[in-house]
Amino acid sequence: MADSPYAPYTEQLRAIADLNERWAAYLDLAKRLEDELELWRRRQRQEIALGFREQGKTWKEIGEAMGRVTYQRAFQFGKGE
């Protein structure tokens, strides 16, 4: 797991000897990583939905291609929601 993308964060946390401080740092770091991951997911969904749209697909077709979501949800993906 040394080559995990999380390895630097693990090392960062393990460098904190005080477990109370490590726990607080972990909570902060985990929240930040979750927020960054959600932003990344939104950008990817939006780019893919808009790419399908540029290919001339309808929102219904895009919804089918993106996991059988409703056309409304596909439209939301296109808006970055």
N, C-alpha and C. Protein backbone atom coordinates (compact mmCIF):
# COMPACT_ATOMS: atom_id res chain seq x y z
N MET A 1 0.82 -1.20 0.00
CA MET A 1 0.00 0.00 0.00
C MET A 1 0.86 1.26 0.00
N ALA A 2 2.15 1.06 -0.03
CA ALA A 2 3.07 2.20 -0.05
C ALA A 2 2.89 3.05 -1.30
N ASP A 3 2.43 2.45 -2.39
CA ASP A 3 2.24 3.19 -3.62
C ASP A 3 0.81 3.70 -3.78
N SER A 4 0.03 3.62 -2.72
CA SER A 4 -1.34 4.11 -2.73
C SER A 4 -1.33 5.63 -2.90
N PRO A 5 -2.35 6.18 -3.56
CA PRO A 5 -2.41 7.64 -3.66
C PRO A 5 -2.59 8.32 -2.30
N TYR A 6 -2.94 7.52 -1.30
CA TYR A 6 -3.14 8.07 0.04
C TYR A 6 -1.89 7.96 0.90
N ALA A 7 -0.84 7.34 0.40
CA ALA A 7 0.38 7.14 1.18
C ALA A 7 0.93 8.43 1.78
N PRO A 8 0.99 9.53 1.02
CA PRO A 8 1.51 10.77 1.63
C PRO A 8 0.66 11.25 2.81
N TYR A 9 -0.64 11.04 2.71
CA TYR A 9 -1.52 11.47 3.81
C TYR A 9 -1.33 10.57 5.02
N THR A 10 -1.14 9.29 4.77
CA THR A 10 -0.88 8.36 5.86
C THR A 10 0.40 8.74 6.58
N GLU A 11 1.43 9.01 5.82
CA GLU A 11 2.71 9.42 6.42
C GLU A 11 2.54 10.71 7.22
N GLN A 12 1.80 11.65 6.66
CA GLN A 12 1.56 12.93 7.32
C GLN A 12 0.88 12.69 8.67
N LEU A 13 -0.14 11.84 8.69
CA LEU A 13 -0.85 11.58 9.94
C LEU A 13 0.01 10.80 10.93
N ARG A 14 0.75 9.81 10.45
CA ARG A 14 1.60 9.03 11.35
C ARG A 14 2.71 9.85 11.97
N ALA A 15 3.04 10.97 11.37
CA ALA A 15 4.08 11.85 11.92
C ALA A 15 3.57 12.61 13.14
N ILE A 16 2.28 12.56 13.39
CA ILE A 16 1.71 13.25 14.56
C ILE A 16 1.65 12.24 15.70
N ALA A 17 2.52 12.43 16.68
CA ALA A 17 2.63 11.46 17.78
C ALA A 17 1.42 11.48 18.71
N ASP A 18 0.92 12.66 19.02
CA ASP A 18 -0.22 12.78 19.92
C ASP A 18 -1.48 12.28 19.20
N LEU A 19 -2.10 11.24 19.74
CA LEU A 19 -3.24 10.63 19.07
C LEU A 19 -4.46 11.54 19.00
N ASN A 20 -4.65 12.40 19.99
CA ASN A 20 -5.75 13.36 19.93
C ASN A 20 -5.55 14.33 18.77
N GLU A 21 -4.31 14.81 18.63
CA GLU A 21 -4.00 15.70 17.52
C GLU A 21 -4.11 14.97 16.20
N ARG A 22 -3.67 13.70 16.17
CA ARG A 22 -3.75 12.92 14.93
C ARG A 22 -5.20 12.73 14.53
N TRP A 23 -6.06 12.44 15.51
CA TRP A 23 -7.48 12.25 15.21
C TRP A 23 -8.09 13.52 14.62
N ALA A 24 -7.79 14.65 15.22
CA ALA A 24 -8.31 15.93 14.72
C ALA A 24 -7.79 16.20 13.31
N ALA A 25 -6.52 15.92 13.09
CA ALA A 25 -5.94 16.12 11.76
C ALA A 25 -6.58 15.17 10.75
N TYR A 26 -6.82 13.94 11.18
CA TYR A 26 -7.48 12.96 10.30
C TYR A 26 -8.87 13.46 9.89
N LEU A 27 -9.66 13.93 10.85
CA LEU A 27 -11.01 14.40 10.54
C LEU A 27 -10.97 15.54 9.53
N ASP A 28 -10.05 16.48 9.74
CA ASP A 28 -9.91 17.61 8.83
C ASP A 28 -9.49 17.15 7.44
N LEU A 29 -8.51 16.29 7.39
CA LEU A 29 -8.00 15.79 6.12
C LEU A 29 -9.05 14.97 5.38
N ALA A 30 -9.75 14.10 6.09
CA ALA A 30 -10.78 13.27 5.46
C ALA A 30 -11.88 14.14 4.86
N LYS A 31 -12.30 15.18 5.55
CA LYS A 31 -13.33 16.07 5.05
C LYS A 31 -12.85 16.78 3.79
N ARG A 32 -11.61 17.26 3.83
CA ARG A 32 -11.05 17.97 2.68
C ARG A 32 -10.96 17.04 1.46
N LEU A 33 -10.51 15.80 1.67
CA LEU A 33 -10.41 14.85 0.57
C LEU A 33 -11.78 14.48 0.01
N GLU A 34 -12.76 14.32 0.89
CA GLU A 34 -14.13 14.02 0.44
C GLU A 34 -14.67 15.16 -0.41
N ASP A 35 -14.44 16.39 0.03
CA ASP A 35 -14.92 17.55 -0.73
C ASP A 35 -14.24 17.62 -2.10
N GLU A 36 -12.93 17.38 -2.13
CA GLU A 36 -12.20 17.40 -3.40
C GLU A 36 -12.68 16.29 -4.33
N LEU A 37 -12.94 15.11 -3.77
CA LEU A 37 -13.42 14.00 -4.58
C LEU A 37 -14.79 14.31 -5.17
N GLU A 38 -15.66 14.92 -4.39
CA GLU A 38 -16.99 15.26 -4.91
C GLU A 38 -16.89 16.29 -6.03
N LEU A 39 -16.02 17.27 -5.89
CA LEU A 39 -15.83 18.25 -6.97
C LEU A 39 -15.31 17.57 -8.22
N TRP A 40 -14.38 16.64 -8.07
CA TRP A 40 -13.84 15.89 -9.20
C TRP A 40 -14.94 15.08 -9.88
N ARG A 41 -15.77 14.41 -9.08
CA ARG A 41 -16.87 13.62 -9.64
C ARG A 41 -17.82 14.49 -10.44
N ARG A 42 -18.16 15.65 -9.88
CA ARG A 42 -19.09 16.55 -10.59
C ARG A 42 -18.51 16.99 -11.92
N ARG A 43 -17.22 17.36 -11.92
CA ARG A 43 -16.58 17.80 -13.16
C ARG A 43 -16.58 16.68 -14.20
N GLN A 44 -16.29 15.47 -13.76
CA GLN A 44 -16.25 14.34 -14.70
C GLN A 44 -17.63 14.05 -15.26
N ARG A 45 -18.63 14.01 -14.39
CA ARG A 45 -20.00 13.77 -14.86
C ARG A 45 -20.41 14.85 -15.86
N GLN A 46 -20.09 16.10 -15.54
CA GLN A 46 -20.47 17.21 -16.42
C GLN A 46 -19.77 17.08 -17.77
N GLU A 47 -18.47 16.86 -17.77
CA GLU A 47 -17.75 16.74 -19.03
C GLU A 47 -18.28 15.60 -19.89
N ILE A 48 -18.57 14.48 -19.26
CA ILE A 48 -19.07 13.33 -20.01
C ILE A 48 -20.47 13.60 -20.55
N ALA A 49 -21.35 14.15 -19.71
CA ALA A 49 -22.71 14.47 -20.16
C ALA A 49 -22.69 15.46 -21.31
N LEU A 50 -21.87 16.49 -21.19
CA LEU A 50 -21.80 17.48 -22.26
C LEU A 50 -21.15 16.91 -23.51
N GLY A 51 -20.22 15.98 -23.32
CA GLY A 51 -19.63 15.30 -24.47
C GLY A 51 -20.66 14.49 -25.24
N PHE A 52 -21.50 13.77 -24.50
CA PHE A 52 -22.60 13.04 -25.15
C PHE A 52 -23.53 14.01 -25.87
N ARG A 53 -23.80 15.13 -25.23
CA ARG A 53 -24.71 16.13 -25.81
C ARG A 53 -24.14 16.67 -27.12
N GLU A 54 -22.81 16.92 -27.13
CA GLU A 54 -22.15 17.40 -28.34
C GLU A 54 -22.23 16.36 -29.46
N GLN A 55 -22.34 15.10 -29.10
CA GLN A 55 -22.49 14.03 -30.09
C GLN A 55 -23.93 13.95 -30.62
N GLY A 56 -24.81 14.80 -30.07
CA GLY A 56 -26.18 14.85 -30.55
C GLY A 56 -27.15 13.96 -29.79
N LYS A 57 -26.71 13.39 -28.68
CA LYS A 57 -27.59 12.53 -27.90
C LYS A 57 -28.60 13.38 -27.13
N THR A 58 -29.79 12.82 -26.93
CA THR A 58 -30.81 13.48 -26.11
C THR A 58 -30.47 13.25 -24.64
N TRP A 59 -31.10 14.02 -23.76
CA TRP A 59 -30.86 13.83 -22.33
C TRP A 59 -31.32 12.45 -21.89
N LYS A 60 -32.37 11.94 -22.52
CA LYS A 60 -32.83 10.59 -22.20
C LYS A 60 -31.77 9.56 -22.58
N GLU A 61 -31.20 9.69 -23.76
CA GLU A 61 -30.13 8.78 -24.20
C GLU A 61 -28.90 8.89 -23.30
N ILE A 62 -28.59 10.11 -22.90
CA ILE A 62 -27.45 10.34 -22.01
C ILE A 62 -27.70 9.67 -20.66
N GLY A 63 -28.92 9.81 -20.17
CA GLY A 63 -29.26 9.16 -18.91
C GLY A 63 -29.10 7.66 -18.98
N GLU A 64 -29.52 7.07 -20.09
CA GLU A 64 -29.35 5.62 -20.29
C GLU A 64 -27.87 5.25 -20.29
N ALA A 65 -27.08 6.03 -21.00
CA ALA A 65 -25.65 5.74 -21.11
C ALA A 65 -24.91 5.92 -19.78
N MET A 66 -25.44 6.80 -18.94
CA MET A 66 -24.76 7.11 -17.68
C MET A 66 -25.40 6.36 -16.50
N GLY A 67 -25.75 5.14 -16.73
CA GLY A 67 -26.22 4.31 -15.63
C GLY A 67 -27.71 4.27 -15.46
N ARG A 68 -28.41 4.54 -16.55
CA ARG A 68 -29.87 4.51 -16.51
C ARG A 68 -30.47 5.50 -15.51
N VAL A 69 -29.88 6.68 -15.48
CA VAL A 69 -30.47 7.74 -14.65
C VAL A 69 -31.56 8.42 -15.48
N THR A 70 -32.42 9.16 -14.83
CA THR A 70 -33.49 9.86 -15.53
C THR A 70 -32.91 10.95 -16.43
N TYR A 71 -33.70 11.38 -17.40
CA TYR A 71 -33.22 12.45 -18.27
C TYR A 71 -33.01 13.74 -17.45
N GLN A 72 -33.82 13.91 -16.40
CA GLN A 72 -33.66 15.09 -15.54
C GLN A 72 -32.30 15.06 -14.85
N ARG A 73 -31.91 13.86 -14.36
CA ARG A 73 -30.63 13.74 -13.66
C ARG A 73 -29.48 13.93 -14.65
N ALA A 74 -29.63 13.41 -15.85
CA ALA A 74 -28.61 13.60 -16.88
C ALA A 74 -28.44 15.09 -17.17
N PHE A 75 -29.55 15.81 -17.25
CA PHE A 75 -29.51 17.25 -17.48
C PHE A 75 -28.77 17.94 -16.32
N GLN A 76 -29.04 17.50 -15.09
CA GLN A 76 -28.33 18.05 -13.94
C GLN A 76 -26.84 17.79 -14.02
N PHE A 77 -26.47 16.57 -14.45
CA PHE A 77 -25.05 16.28 -14.65
C PHE A 77 -24.44 17.30 -15.61
N GLY A 78 -25.16 17.60 -16.68
CA GLY A 78 -24.67 18.55 -17.67
C GLY A 78 -24.48 19.94 -17.11
N LYS A 79 -25.26 20.27 -16.08
CA LYS A 79 -25.11 21.59 -15.44
C LYS A 79 -24.08 21.56 -14.31
N GLY A 80 -23.49 20.40 -14.06
CA GLY A 80 -22.48 20.30 -12.99
C GLY A 80 -23.08 20.10 -11.61
N GLU A 81 -24.28 19.57 -11.58
CA GLU A 81 -24.95 19.33 -10.28
C GLU A 81 -24.81 17.89 -9.87
